[in-house]
PDB file of N, CA and C in Angstrom:
ATOM      1  N   UNK A   1       0.975  -0.955   0.056  1.00  0.00           N
ATOM      2  CA  UNK A   1       0.049  -0.044   0.060  1.00  0.00           C
ATOM      3  C   UNK A   1       0.847   1.292  -0.008  1.00  0.00           C
ATOM      4  N   UNK A   2       1.986   1.025   0.787  1.00  0.00           N
ATOM      5  CA  UNK A   2       2.951   2.380   0.632  1.00  0.00           C
ATOM      6  C   UNK A   2       3.510   2.874  -0.733  1.00  0.00           C
ATOM      7  N   UNK A   3       3.676   1.896  -1.803  1.00  0.00           N
ATOM      8  CA  UNK A   3       3.917   2.255  -2.975  1.00  0.00           C
ATOM      9  C   UNK A   3       2.850   3.087  -3.671  1.00  0.00           C
ATOM     10  N   UNK A   4       1.566   2.584  -3.640  1.00  0.00           N
ATOM     11  CA  UNK A   4       0.173   3.312  -3.898  1.00  0.00           C
ATOM     12  C   UNK A   4      -0.171   4.639  -3.354  1.00  0.00           C
ATOM     13  N   UNK A   5       0.290   4.767  -2.035  1.00  0.00           N
ATOM     14  CA  UNK A   5       0.314   5.973  -1.361  1.00  0.00           C
ATOM     15  C   UNK A   5       1.310   6.833  -2.062  1.00  0.00           C
ATOM     16  N   UNK A   6       2.460   6.551  -2.231  1.00  0.00           N
ATOM     17  CA  UNK A   6       3.443   7.491  -2.694  1.00  0.00           C
ATOM     18  C   UNK A   6       3.177   7.945  -4.520  1.00  0.00           C
ATOM     19  N   UNK A   7       2.445   6.757  -5.045  1.00  0.00           N
ATOM     20  CA  UNK A   7       2.167   7.463  -6.470  1.00  0.00           C
ATOM     21  C   UNK A   7       1.049   8.446  -6.608  1.00  0.00           C
ATOM     22  N   UNK A   8       0.059   8.049  -5.472  1.00  0.00           N
ATOM     23  CA  UNK A   8      -1.104   9.075  -5.623  1.00  0.00           C
ATOM     24  C   UNK A   8      -0.436  10.904  -4.898  1.00  0.00           C
ATOM     25  N   UNK A   9       0.413  10.578  -3.917  1.00  0.00           N
ATOM     26  CA  UNK A   9       1.064  11.767  -3.387  1.00  0.00           C
ATOM     27  C   UNK A   9       1.870  12.350  -4.600  1.00  0.00           C
ATOM     28  N   UNK A  10       2.712  11.687  -5.288  1.00  0.00           N
ATOM     29  CA  UNK A  10       3.135  12.297  -6.468  1.00  0.00           C
ATOM     30  C   UNK A  10       2.366  12.861  -7.502  1.00  0.00           C
ATOM     31  N   UNK A  11       0.902  12.046  -7.761  1.00  0.00           N
ATOM     32  CA  UNK A  11       0.303  12.432  -8.631  1.00  0.00           C
ATOM     33  C   UNK A  11      -0.350  13.850  -8.175  1.00  0.00           C
ATOM     34  N   UNK A  12      -0.610  13.974  -7.024  1.00  0.00           N
ATOM     35  CA  UNK A  12      -1.425  15.189  -6.583  1.00  0.00           C
ATOM     36  C   UNK A  12      -0.519  16.468  -6.594  1.00  0.00           C
ATOM     37  N   UNK A  13       0.820  16.179  -6.304  1.00  0.00           N
ATOM     38  CA  UNK A  13       1.808  17.198  -6.591  1.00  0.00           C
ATOM     39  C   UNK A  13       1.859  17.800  -7.865  1.00  0.00           C
ATOM     40  N   UNK A  14       1.915  16.943  -9.023  1.00  0.00           N
ATOM     41  CA  UNK A  14       1.936  17.139 -10.327  1.00  0.00           C
ATOM     42  C   UNK A  14       0.662  18.000 -10.597  1.00  0.00           C
ATOM     43  N   UNK A  15      -0.592  17.443 -10.214  1.00  0.00           N
ATOM     44  CA  UNK A  15      -1.805  18.215 -10.302  1.00  0.00           C
ATOM     45  C   UNK A  15      -1.704  19.667  -9.762  1.00  0.00           C
ATOM     46  N   UNK A  16      -1.121  19.643  -8.668  1.00  0.00           N
ATOM     47  CA  UNK A  16      -1.156  21.139  -8.063  1.00  0.00           C
ATOM     48  C   UNK A  16      -0.389  21.807  -9.010  1.00  0.00           C
ATOM     49  N   UNK A  17       0.890  21.547  -9.393  1.00  0.00           N
ATOM     50  CA  UNK A  17       1.667  22.364 -10.336  1.00  0.00           C
ATOM     51  C   UNK A  17       0.901  22.535 -11.789  1.00  0.00           C
ATOM     52  N   UNK A  18       0.086  21.630 -12.249  1.00  0.00           N
ATOM     53  CA  UNK A  18      -0.551  22.073 -13.465  1.00  0.00           C
ATOM     54  C   UNK A  18      -1.674  23.089 -13.144  1.00  0.00           C
ATOM     55  N   UNK A  19      -2.139  22.829 -11.945  1.00  0.00           N
ATOM     56  CA  UNK A  19      -3.251  23.972 -11.746  1.00  0.00           C
ATOM     57  C   UNK A  19      -2.636  25.105 -11.616  1.00  0.00           C
ATOM     58  N   UNK A  20      -1.652  25.256 -10.875  1.00  0.00           N
ATOM     59  CA  UNK A  20      -0.929  26.508 -10.772  1.00  0.00           C
ATOM     60  C   UNK A  20      -0.482  27.231 -12.235  1.00  0.00           C
ATOM     61  N   UNK A  21      -0.347  26.459 -13.115  1.00  0.00           N
ATOM     62  CA  UNK A  21       0.057  26.731 -14.574  1.00  0.00           C
ATOM     63  C   UNK A  21      -1.290  27.178 -15.475  1.00  0.00           C
ATOM     64  N   UNK A  22      -2.212  26.510 -15.256  1.00  0.00           N
ATOM     65  CA  UNK A  22      -3.237  26.368 -16.031  1.00  0.00           C
ATOM     66  C   UNK A  22      -4.553  27.133 -15.771  1.00  0.00           C
ATOM     67  N   UNK A  23      -4.600  26.987 -14.155  1.00  0.00           N
ATOM     68  CA  UNK A  23      -5.806  27.593 -13.748  1.00  0.00           C
ATOM     69  C   UNK A  23      -6.962  26.821 -13.102  1.00  0.00           C
ATOM     70  N   UNK A  24      -6.584  25.421 -13.399  1.00  0.00           N
ATOM     71  CA  UNK A  24      -7.675  24.343 -13.292  1.00  0.00           C
ATOM     72  C   UNK A  24      -7.154  23.114 -13.432  1.00  0.00           C
ATOM     73  N   UNK A  25      -7.875  21.931 -12.610  1.00  0.00           N
ATOM     74  CA  UNK A  25      -7.214  20.665 -12.334  1.00  0.00           C
ATOM     75  C   UNK A  25      -7.484  19.682 -13.556  1.00  0.00           C
ATOM     76  N   UNK A  26      -6.377  19.200 -14.134  1.00  0.00           N
ATOM     77  CA  UNK A  26      -6.695  18.743 -15.379  1.00  0.00           C
ATOM     78  C   UNK A  26      -6.897  17.188 -15.202  1.00  0.00           C
ATOM     79  N   UNK A  27      -7.683  16.644 -15.887  1.00  0.00           N
ATOM     80  CA  UNK A  27      -7.967  15.029 -15.934  1.00  0.00           C
ATOM     81  C   UNK A  27      -6.674  14.326 -16.576  1.00  0.00           C
ATOM     82  N   UNK A  28      -6.872  12.857 -16.926  1.00  0.00           N
ATOM     83  CA  UNK A  28      -6.018  12.431 -17.235  1.00  0.00           C
ATOM     84  C   UNK A  28      -5.848  12.636 -19.040  1.00  0.00           C
ATOM     85  N   UNK A  29      -6.924  12.886 -19.398  1.00  0.00           N
ATOM     86  CA  UNK A  29      -6.978  13.007 -21.078  1.00  0.00           C
ATOM     87  C   UNK A  29      -6.427  14.391 -21.435  1.00  0.00           C
ATOM     88  N   UNK A  30      -6.710  15.289 -20.520  1.00  0.00           N
ATOM     89  CA  UNK A  30      -5.844  16.724 -20.769  1.00  0.00           C
ATOM     90  C   UNK A  30      -4.259  16.639 -20.496  1.00  0.00           C
ATOM     91  N   UNK A  31      -3.951  15.922 -19.542  1.00  0.00           N
ATOM     92  CA  UNK A  31      -2.377  15.502 -19.296  1.00  0.00           C
ATOM     93  C   UNK A  31      -1.682  14.659 -20.546  1.00  0.00           C
ATOM     94  N   UNK A  32      -2.574  13.873 -21.132  1.00  0.00           N
ATOM     95  CA  UNK A  32      -2.096  13.342 -22.089  1.00  0.00           C
ATOM     96  C   UNK A  32      -1.877  14.438 -23.357  1.00  0.00           C
ATOM     97  N   UNK A  33      -3.130  15.066 -23.526  1.00  0.00           N
ATOM     98  CA  UNK A  33      -3.280  16.203 -24.718  1.00  0.00           C
ATOM     99  C   UNK A  33      -2.022  16.788 -24.462  1.00  0.00           C
ATOM    100  N   UNK A  34      -1.659  17.410 -23.450  1.00  0.00           N
ATOM    101  CA  UNK A  34      -0.704  18.287 -23.125  1.00  0.00           C
ATOM    102  C   UNK A  34       0.895  17.811 -23.481  1.00  0.00           C
ATOM    103  N   UNK A  35       1.119  16.430 -23.028  1.00  0.00           N
ATOM    104  CA  UNK A  35       2.421  15.899 -23.359  1.00  0.00           C
ATOM    105  C   UNK A  35       2.495  15.565 -24.925  1.00  0.00           C
ATOM    106  N   UNK A  36       1.270  15.212 -25.424  1.00  0.00           N
ATOM    107  CA  UNK A  36       1.064  15.171 -27.083  1.00  0.00           C
ATOM    108  C   UNK A  36       1.457  16.278 -27.574  1.00  0.00           C
ATOM    109  N   UNK A  37       0.996  17.473 -27.309  1.00  0.00           N
ATOM    110  CA  UNK A  37       1.189  18.763 -27.680  1.00  0.00           C
ATOM    111  C   UNK A  37       2.929  19.068 -27.678  1.00  0.00           C
ATOM    112  N   UNK A  38       3.427  18.644 -26.405  1.00  0.00           N
ATOM    113  CA  UNK A  38       4.829  18.908 -26.142  1.00  0.00           C
ATOM    114  C   UNK A  38       5.763  17.974 -27.341  1.00  0.00           C
ATOM    115  N   UNK A  39       5.403  16.633 -27.502  1.00  0.00           N
ATOM    116  CA  UNK A  39       6.153  15.686 -28.342  1.00  0.00           C
ATOM    117  C   UNK A  39       5.811  15.881 -29.764  1.00  0.00           C
ATOM    118  N   UNK A  40       4.641  16.432 -30.216  1.00  0.00           N
ATOM    119  CA  UNK A  40       4.515  16.904 -31.530  1.00  0.00           C
ATOM    120  C   UNK A  40       5.190  18.105 -31.802  1.00  0.00           C
ATOM    121  N   UNK A  41       5.288  19.082 -31.015  1.00  0.00           N
ATOM    122  CA  UNK A  41       6.196  20.137 -31.024  1.00  0.00           C
ATOM    123  C   UNK A  41       5.070  21.497 -31.879  1.00  0.00           C
ATOM    124  N   UNK A  42       4.091  21.423 -32.249  1.00  0.00           N
ATOM    125  CA  UNK A  42       3.186  22.225 -32.904  1.00  0.00           C
ATOM    126  C   UNK A  42       2.223  22.985 -31.756  1.00  0.00           C
ATOM    127  N   UNK A  43       2.738  24.036 -31.235  1.00  0.00           N
ATOM    128  CA  UNK A  43       1.808  24.583 -30.392  1.00  0.00           C
ATOM    129  C   UNK A  43       0.783  25.565 -31.145  1.00  0.00           C
ATOM    130  N   UNK A  44      -0.619  25.024 -31.202  1.00  0.00           N
ATOM    131  CA  UNK A  44      -1.630  26.076 -31.851  1.00  0.00           C
ATOM    132  C   UNK A  44      -2.644  26.127 -31.064  1.00  0.00           C
ATOM    133  N   UNK A  45      -3.682  26.841 -31.582  1.00  0.00           N
ATOM    134  CA  UNK A  45      -5.106  27.299 -30.472  1.00  0.00           C
ATOM    135  C   UNK A  45      -5.972  26.264 -30.969  1.00  0.00           C
ATOM    136  N   UNK A  46      -5.909  25.621 -32.134  1.00  0.00           N
ATOM    137  CA  UNK A  46      -6.831  24.738 -32.315  1.00  0.00           C
ATOM    138  C   UNK A  46      -6.589  23.461 -32.991  1.00  0.00           C
ATOM    139  N   UNK A  47      -7.278  22.533 -32.634  1.00  0.00           N
ATOM    140  CA  UNK A  47      -6.925  20.976 -33.063  1.00  0.00           C
ATOM    141  C   UNK A  47      -8.189  20.256 -33.166  1.00  0.00           C
ATOM    142  N   UNK A  48      -8.320  19.578 -34.331  1.00  0.00           N
ATOM    143  CA  UNK A  48      -9.514  18.832 -34.647  1.00  0.00           C
ATOM    144  C   UNK A  48      -9.582  17.718 -33.910  1.00  0.00           C
ATOM    145  N   UNK A  49     -10.804  17.331 -33.738  1.00  0.00           N
ATOM    146  CA  UNK A  49     -11.293  16.223 -32.652  1.00  0.00           C
ATOM    147  C   UNK A  49     -10.155  15.047 -33.063  1.00  0.00           C
ATOM    148  N   UNK A  50      -9.995  14.658 -34.196  1.00  0.00           N
ATOM    149  CA  UNK A  50      -9.430  13.578 -34.779  1.00  0.00           C
ATOM    150  C   UNK A  50      -7.728  13.863 -34.276  1.00  0.00           C
ATOM    151  N   UNK A  51      -7.136  15.203 -34.362  1.00  0.00           N
ATOM    152  CA  UNK A  51      -5.926  15.480 -33.884  1.00  0.00           C
ATOM    153  C   UNK A  51      -5.661  15.271 -32.272  1.00  0.00           C
ATOM    154  N   UNK A  52      -6.553  15.878 -31.682  1.00  0.00           N
ATOM    155  CA  UNK A  52      -6.838  15.639 -30.450  1.00  0.00           C
ATOM    156  C   UNK A  52      -6.527  14.161 -29.962  1.00  0.00           C
ATOM    157  N   UNK A  53      -7.227  13.361 -30.535  1.00  0.00           N
ATOM    158  CA  UNK A  53      -7.170  12.055 -30.392  1.00  0.00           C
ATOM    159  C   UNK A  53      -5.540  11.450 -30.608  1.00  0.00           C
ATOM    160  N   UNK A  54      -5.325  11.938 -31.981  1.00  0.00           N
ATOM    161  CA  UNK A  54      -3.923  11.430 -32.402  1.00  0.00           C
ATOM    162  C   UNK A  54      -2.709  12.014 -31.285  1.00  0.00           C
ATOM    163  N   UNK A  55      -3.261  13.117 -30.733  1.00  0.00           N
ATOM    164  CA  UNK A  55      -2.066  13.657 -29.761  1.00  0.00           C
ATOM    165  C   UNK A  55      -1.997  12.883 -28.724  1.00  0.00           C
ATOM    166  N   UNK A  56      -3.196  12.600 -28.096  1.00  0.00           N
ATOM    167  CA  UNK A  56      -3.170  11.612 -26.908  1.00  0.00           C
ATOM    168  C   UNK A  56      -2.465  10.496 -27.209  1.00  0.00           C
ATOM    169  N   UNK A  57      -2.471   9.660 -28.483  1.00  0.00           N
ATOM    170  CA  UNK A  57      -1.784   8.422 -28.937  1.00  0.00           C
ATOM    171  C   UNK A  57      -0.326   8.749 -28.970  1.00  0.00           C
ATOM    172  N   UNK A  58      -0.080   9.995 -29.634  1.00  0.00           N
ATOM    173  CA  UNK A  58       1.440  10.228 -29.449  1.00  0.00           C
ATOM    174  C   UNK A  58       2.101  10.185 -28.024  1.00  0.00           C
ATOM    175  N   UNK A  59       1.076  10.835 -27.209  1.00  0.00           N
ATOM    176  CA  UNK A  59       1.748  10.906 -25.571  1.00  0.00           C
ATOM    177  C   UNK A  59       1.966   9.614 -24.916  1.00  0.00           C
ATOM    178  N   UNK A  60       0.644   8.791 -25.237  1.00  0.00           N
ATOM    179  CA  UNK A  60       0.737   7.407 -24.839  1.00  0.00           C
ATOM    180  C   UNK A  60       1.925   6.566 -25.238  1.00  0.00           C
ATOM    181  N   UNK A  61       2.223   6.688 -26.443  1.00  0.00           N
ATOM    182  CA  UNK A  61       3.501   6.014 -27.288  1.00  0.00           C
ATOM    183  C   UNK A  61       4.684   6.505 -26.384  1.00  0.00           C
ATOM    184  N   UNK A  62       4.705   7.715 -26.575  1.00  0.00           N
ATOM    185  CA  UNK A  62       5.996   8.417 -26.067  1.00  0.00           C
ATOM    186  C   UNK A  62       6.335   8.033 -24.498  1.00  0.00           C
ATOM    187  N   UNK A  63       5.293   7.994 -23.787  1.00  0.00           N
ATOM    188  CA  UNK A  63       5.309   7.597 -22.417  1.00  0.00           C
ATOM    189  C   UNK A  63       5.904   6.301 -21.980  1.00  0.00           C
ATOM    190  N   UNK A  64       5.288   5.326 -23.015  1.00  0.00           N
ATOM    191  CA  UNK A  64       5.470   4.109 -22.707  1.00  0.00           C
ATOM    192  C   UNK A  64       6.769   3.633 -23.497  1.00  0.00           C
ATOM    193  N   UNK A  65       7.604   4.581 -24.410  1.00  0.00           N
ATOM    194  CA  UNK A  65       8.624   4.449 -25.030  1.00  0.00           C
ATOM    195  C   UNK A  65       9.769   3.955 -23.783  1.00  0.00           C
ATOM    196  N   UNK A  66       9.756   4.794 -22.656  1.00  0.00           N
ATOM    197  CA  UNK A  66      10.782   5.201 -21.757  1.00  0.00           C
ATOM    198  C   UNK A  66      10.764   3.714 -21.293  1.00  0.00           C
ATOM    199  N   UNK A  67       9.798   2.772 -21.393  1.00  0.00           N
ATOM    200  CA  UNK A  67       9.903   1.447 -20.668  1.00  0.00           C
ATOM    201  C   UNK A  67      10.053   0.338 -21.844  1.00  0.00           C
ATOM    202  N   UNK A  68      10.458   0.792 -22.947  1.00  0.00           N
ATOM    203  CA  UNK A  68      10.571  -0.313 -24.038  1.00  0.00           C
ATOM    204  C   UNK A  68       9.618  -0.799 -24.790  1.00  0.00           C
ATOM    205  N   UNK A  69       8.401   0.013 -24.745  1.00  0.00           N
ATOM    206  CA  UNK A  69       7.154  -1.046 -25.080  1.00  0.00           C
ATOM    207  C   UNK A  69       6.884  -0.220 -26.722  1.00  0.00           C
ATOM    208  N   UNK A  70       7.483   0.862 -26.856  1.00  0.00           N
ATOM    209  CA  UNK A  70       7.545   1.445 -28.079  1.00  0.00           C
ATOM    210  C   UNK A  70       9.026   2.213 -28.721  1.00  0.00           C
ATOM    211  N   UNK A  71       8.918   2.441 -29.878  1.00  0.00           N
ATOM    212  CA  UNK A  71       9.994   3.154 -30.472  1.00  0.00           C
ATOM    213  C   UNK A  71       9.577   4.250 -31.628  1.00  0.00           C
ATOM    214  N   UNK A  72      10.306   5.212 -31.635  1.00  0.00           N
ATOM    215  CA  UNK A  72      10.001   6.140 -32.670  1.00  0.00           C
ATOM    216  C   UNK A  72      10.392   5.710 -34.078  1.00  0.00           C
ATOM    217  N   UNK A  73       9.357   5.393 -34.889  1.00  0.00           N
ATOM    218  CA  UNK A  73       9.567   4.872 -36.147  1.00  0.00           C
ATOM    219  C   UNK A  73       9.986   5.649 -37.375  1.00  0.00           C
ATOM    220  N   UNK A  74       9.212   6.880 -37.239  1.00  0.00           N
ATOM    221  CA  UNK A  74       9.265   7.814 -38.045  1.00  0.00           C
ATOM    222  C   UNK A  74       8.470   9.205 -37.891  1.00  0.00           C
ATOM    223  N   UNK A  75       8.812  10.162 -38.572  1.00  0.00           N
ATOM    224  CA  UNK A  75       8.030  11.137 -38.509  1.00  0.00           C
ATOM    225  C   UNK A  75       7.536  11.622 -39.958  1.00  0.00           C
ATOM    226  N   UNK A  76       6.441  11.795 -40.035  1.00  0.00           N
ATOM    227  CA  UNK A  76       5.843  12.042 -41.408  1.00  0.00           C
ATOM    228  C   UNK A  76       6.009  13.613 -41.950  1.00  0.00           C
ATOM    229  N   UNK A  77       5.787  13.629 -43.012  1.00  0.00           N
ATOM    230  CA  UNK A  77       5.678  14.823 -43.796  1.00  0.00           C
ATOM    231  C   UNK A  77       5.137  15.886 -43.138  1.00  0.00           C
ATOM    232  N   UNK A  78       3.929  15.891 -42.230  1.00  0.00           N
ATOM    233  CA  UNK A  78       3.258  16.885 -41.585  1.00  0.00           C
ATOM    234  C   UNK A  78       3.781  17.120 -40.165  1.00  0.00           C
ATOM    235  N   UNK A  79       5.034  16.185 -39.797  1.00  0.00           N
ATOM    236  CA  UNK A  79       5.675  16.554 -38.322  1.00  0.00           C
ATOM    237  C   UNK A  79       5.041  15.484 -37.519  1.00  0.00           C
ATOM    238  N   UNK A  80       4.080  14.406 -37.681  1.00  0.00           N
ATOM    239  CA  UNK A  80       3.510  13.592 -36.708  1.00  0.00           C
ATOM    240  C   UNK A  80       4.432  12.480 -36.550  1.00  0.00           C
ATOM    241  N   UNK A  81       4.783  12.174 -35.269  1.00  0.00           N
ATOM    242  CA  UNK A  81       5.722  10.880 -34.866  1.00  0.00           C
ATOM    243  C   UNK A  81       4.715   9.836 -35.313  1.00  0.00           C
ATOM    244  N   UNK A  82       5.231   8.807 -35.745  1.00  0.00           N
ATOM    245  CA  UNK A  82       4.830   7.227 -35.641  1.00  0.00           C
ATOM    246  C   UNK A  82       5.721   6.209 -34.882  1.00  0.00           C
ATOM    247  N   UNK A  83       5.091   5.503 -34.135  1.00  0.00           N
ATOM    248  CA  UNK A  83       5.710   4.548 -33.439  1.00  0.00           C
ATOM    249  C   UNK A  83       5.580   3.174 -33.564  1.00  0.00           C
ATOM    250  N   UNK A  84       6.570   2.219 -33.298  1.00  0.00           N
ATOM    251  CA  UNK A  84       6.464   0.961 -33.730  1.00  0.00           C
ATOM    252  C   UNK A  84       6.332   0.073 -32.230  1.00  0.00           C
ATOM    253  N   UNK A  85       5.322  -0.799 -32.148  1.00  0.00           N
ATOM    254  CA  UNK A  85       5.243  -1.184 -30.884  1.00  0.00           C
ATOM    255  C   UNK A  85       6.235  -2.372 -30.856  1.00  0.00           C
ATOM    256  N   UNK A  86       6.941  -2.545 -29.662  1.00  0.00           N
ATOM    257  CA  UNK A  86       8.312  -3.418 -29.415  1.00  0.00           C
ATOM    258  C   UNK A  86       8.034  -4.641 -28.437  1.00  0.00           C
ATOM    259  N   UNK A  87       6.856  -4.400 -27.451  1.00  0.00           N
ATOM    260  CA  UNK A  87       6.576  -5.479 -26.987  1.00  0.00           C
ATOM    261  C   UNK A  87       5.183  -5.550 -26.402  1.00  0.00           C
ATOM    262  N   UNK A  88       4.406  -6.315 -25.954  1.00  0.00           N
ATOM    263  CA  UNK A  88       3.214  -6.577 -25.798  1.00  0.00           C
ATOM    264  C   UNK A  88       2.978  -5.961 -24.337  1.00  0.00           C
ATOM    265  N   UNK A  89       1.846  -5.235 -23.977  1.00  0.00           N
ATOM    266  CA  UNK A  89       1.388  -4.795 -22.722  1.00  0.00           C
ATOM    267  C   UNK A  89       0.728  -5.936 -22.224  1.00  0.00           C
ATOM    268  N   UNK A  90       0.597  -6.498 -21.023  1.00  0.00           N
ATOM    269  CA  UNK A  90      -0.113  -7.377 -20.444  1.00  0.00           C
ATOM    270  C   UNK A  90      -1.357  -6.848 -19.927  1.00  0.00           C
ATOM    271  N   UNK A  91      -2.550  -7.543 -20.337  1.00  0.00           N
ATOM    272  CA  UNK A  91      -3.798  -7.004 -19.818  1.00  0.00           C
ATOM    273  C   UNK A  91      -4.043  -6.483 -18.266  1.00  0.00           C
ATOM    274  N   UNK A  92      -4.556  -5.650 -17.853  1.00  0.00           N
ATOM    275  CA  UNK A  92      -4.836  -5.236 -16.627  1.00  0.00           C
ATOM    276  C   UNK A  92      -6.092  -4.453 -16.365  1.00  0.00           C
ATOM    277  N   UNK A  93      -6.252  -4.375 -15.293  1.00  0.00           N
ATOM    278  CA  UNK A  93      -7.719  -3.798 -14.986  1.00  0.00           C
ATOM    279  C   UNK A  93      -7.516  -2.213 -14.819  1.00  0.00           C
ATOM    280  N   UNK A  94      -8.637  -1.721 -15.031  1.00  0.00           N
ATOM    281  CA  UNK A  94      -8.710  -0.184 -15.305  1.00  0.00           C
ATOM    282  C   UNK A  94      -7.856   0.309 -13.929  1.00  0.00           C
ATOM    283  N   UNK A  95      -7.893   0.109 -12.777  1.00  0.00           N
ATOM    284  CA  UNK A  95      -7.272   0.824 -11.984  1.00  0.00           C
ATOM    285  C   UNK A  95      -5.722   0.735 -12.172  1.00  0.00           C
ATOM    286  N   UNK A  96      -5.289  -0.223 -12.445  1.00  0.00           N
ATOM    287  CA  UNK A  96      -3.833  -0.791 -12.909  1.00  0.00           C
ATOM    288  C   UNK A  96      -3.504  -0.110 -14.013  1.00  0.00           C
ATOM    289  N   UNK A  97      -4.311   0.119 -15.073  1.00  0.00           N
ATOM    290  CA  UNK A  97      -4.051   0.918 -16.131  1.00  0.00           C
ATOM    291  C   UNK A  97      -3.833   2.247 -16.084  1.00  0.00           C
ATOM    292  N   UNK A  98      -4.773   3.165 -15.084  1.00  0.00           N
ATOM    293  CA  UNK A  98      -4.474   4.383 -14.623  1.00  0.00           C
ATOM    294  C   UNK A  98      -3.114   4.527 -14.142  1.00  0.00           C
ATOM    295  N   UNK A  99      -2.840   3.615 -13.205  1.00  0.00           N
ATOM    296  CA  UNK A  99      -1.689   3.811 -12.306  1.00  0.00           C
ATOM    297  C   UNK A  99      -0.504   3.711 -13.010  1.00  0.00           C
ATOM    298  N   UNK A 100      -0.582   2.623 -14.255  1.00  0.00           N
ATOM    299  CA  UNK A 100       0.640   2.544 -15.045  1.00  0.00           C
ATOM    300  C   UNK A 100       0.959   3.626 -16.091  1.00  0.00           C
ATOM    301  N   UNK A 101      -0.147   4.186 -16.341  1.00  0.00           N
ATOM    302  CA  UNK A 101       0.058   5.735 -17.133  1.00  0.00           C
ATOM    303  C   UNK A 101       0.347   6.744 -16.162  1.00  0.00           C
ATOM    304  N   UNK A 102      -0.111   6.815 -15.032  1.00  0.00           N
ATOM    305  CA  UNK A 102       0.334   8.062 -14.003  1.00  0.00           C
ATOM    306  C   UNK A 102       1.920   7.830 -13.688  1.00  0.00           C
ATOM    307  N   UNK A 103       2.154   6.699 -13.378  1.00  0.00           N
ATOM    308  CA  UNK A 103       3.621   6.464 -13.118  1.00  0.00           C
ATOM    309  C   UNK A 103       4.660   6.914 -14.408  1.00  0.00           C
ATOM    310  N   UNK A 104       4.200   6.640 -15.520  1.00  0.00           N
ATOM    311  CA  UNK A 104       4.890   6.829 -16.725  1.00  0.00           C
ATOM    312  C   UNK A 104       4.826   8.432 -16.754  1.00  0.00           C
ATOM    313  N   UNK A 105       3.689   9.031 -16.705  1.00  0.00           N
ATOM    314  CA  UNK A 105       3.472  10.734 -16.864  1.00  0.00           C
ATOM    315  C   UNK A 105       4.358  11.428 -15.727  1.00  0.00           C
ATOM    316  N   UNK A 106       4.411  10.701 -14.610  1.00  0.00           N
ATOM    317  CA  UNK A 106       5.330  11.581 -13.384  1.00  0.00           C
ATOM    318  C   UNK A 106       6.651  11.398 -13.878  1.00  0.00           C
ATOM    319  N   UNK A 107       7.127  10.120 -14.403  1.00  0.00           N
ATOM    320  CA  UNK A 107       8.611   9.787 -14.923  1.00  0.00           C
ATOM    321  C   UNK A 107       8.732  10.948 -16.126  1.00  0.00           C
ATOM    322  N   UNK A 108       7.734  11.263 -16.881  1.00  0.00           N
ATOM    323  CA  UNK A 108       8.228  12.152 -18.153  1.00  0.00           C
ATOM    324  C   UNK A 108       8.182  13.499 -17.449  1.00  0.00           C
ATOM    325  N   UNK A 109       7.445  13.960 -16.545  1.00  0.00           N
ATOM    326  CA  UNK A 109       7.454  15.407 -16.014  1.00  0.00           C
ATOM    327  C   UNK A 109       8.635  15.474 -15.114  1.00  0.00           C
ATOM    328  N   UNK A 110       9.193  14.314 -14.634  1.00  0.00           N
ATOM    329  CA  UNK A 110      10.317  14.566 -13.623  1.00  0.00           C
ATOM    330  C   UNK A 110      11.420  14.642 -14.570  1.00  0.00           C
ATOM    331  N   UNK A 111      11.810  13.803 -15.563  1.00  0.00           N
ATOM    332  CA  UNK A 111      12.485  14.133 -16.854  1.00  0.00           C
ATOM    333  C   UNK A 111      12.668  15.444 -17.523  1.00  0.00           C
ATOM    334  N   UNK A 112      11.394  15.996 -17.725  1.00  0.00           N
ATOM    335  CA  UNK A 112      11.507  17.386 -18.011  1.00  0.00           C
ATOM    336  C   UNK A 112      11.977  18.524 -16.938  1.00  0.00           C
ATOM    337  N   UNK A 113      11.823  18.051 -15.913  1.00  0.00           N
ATOM    338  CA  UNK A 113      12.237  18.978 -14.791  1.00  0.00           C
ATOM    339  C   UNK A 113      11.278  19.912 -14.166  1.00  0.00           C
ATOM    340  N   UNK A 114       9.595  19.464 -14.411  1.00  0.00           N
ATOM    341  CA  UNK A 114       8.689  19.998 -14.012  1.00  0.00           C
ATOM    342  C   UNK A 114       8.425  19.569 -12.609  1.00  0.00           C
ATOM    343  N   UNK A 115       8.619  18.441 -11.970  1.00  0.00           N
ATOM    344  CA  UNK A 115       8.540  17.944 -10.812  1.00  0.00           C
ATOM    345  C   UNK A 115       9.681  17.415 -10.365  1.00  0.00           C
TER     346      UNK A 115
END
C-alpha cells in the first residue's frame, strides 16, 4: 500500500503544479493531450477532434517508449511521429492501467524538470 500512497501523493503534486500553470485541475486526458502537444512540437490554439485523439496517442506511445514498449519509427511530412510497438502490454484492470499511465506521466514530468 505504501507504493500506491506514494504514487497518489506524487500525482497530487503534479496536479497542483498543473493547476498553478493552467488555472484548473487537469484530468488524465488533458495531461495526455498536453504531453502530446509537447511531443508533437506544434503549439496552436485549435486542433480537430481527430488531431486531439492523435495527440493523446502520441503521448501514450512517447510515455511507454521509456519502458521499451514503443520506439519512434518515423516522423511524417506533416511532423507527426509514428511509433512501432516493441513488446506486448499485459492486460490489466482499469485501476492498474491508470496507475501504470500515472507512473509513466510522473516520470515524464520528472525528466522534463517540472517535478
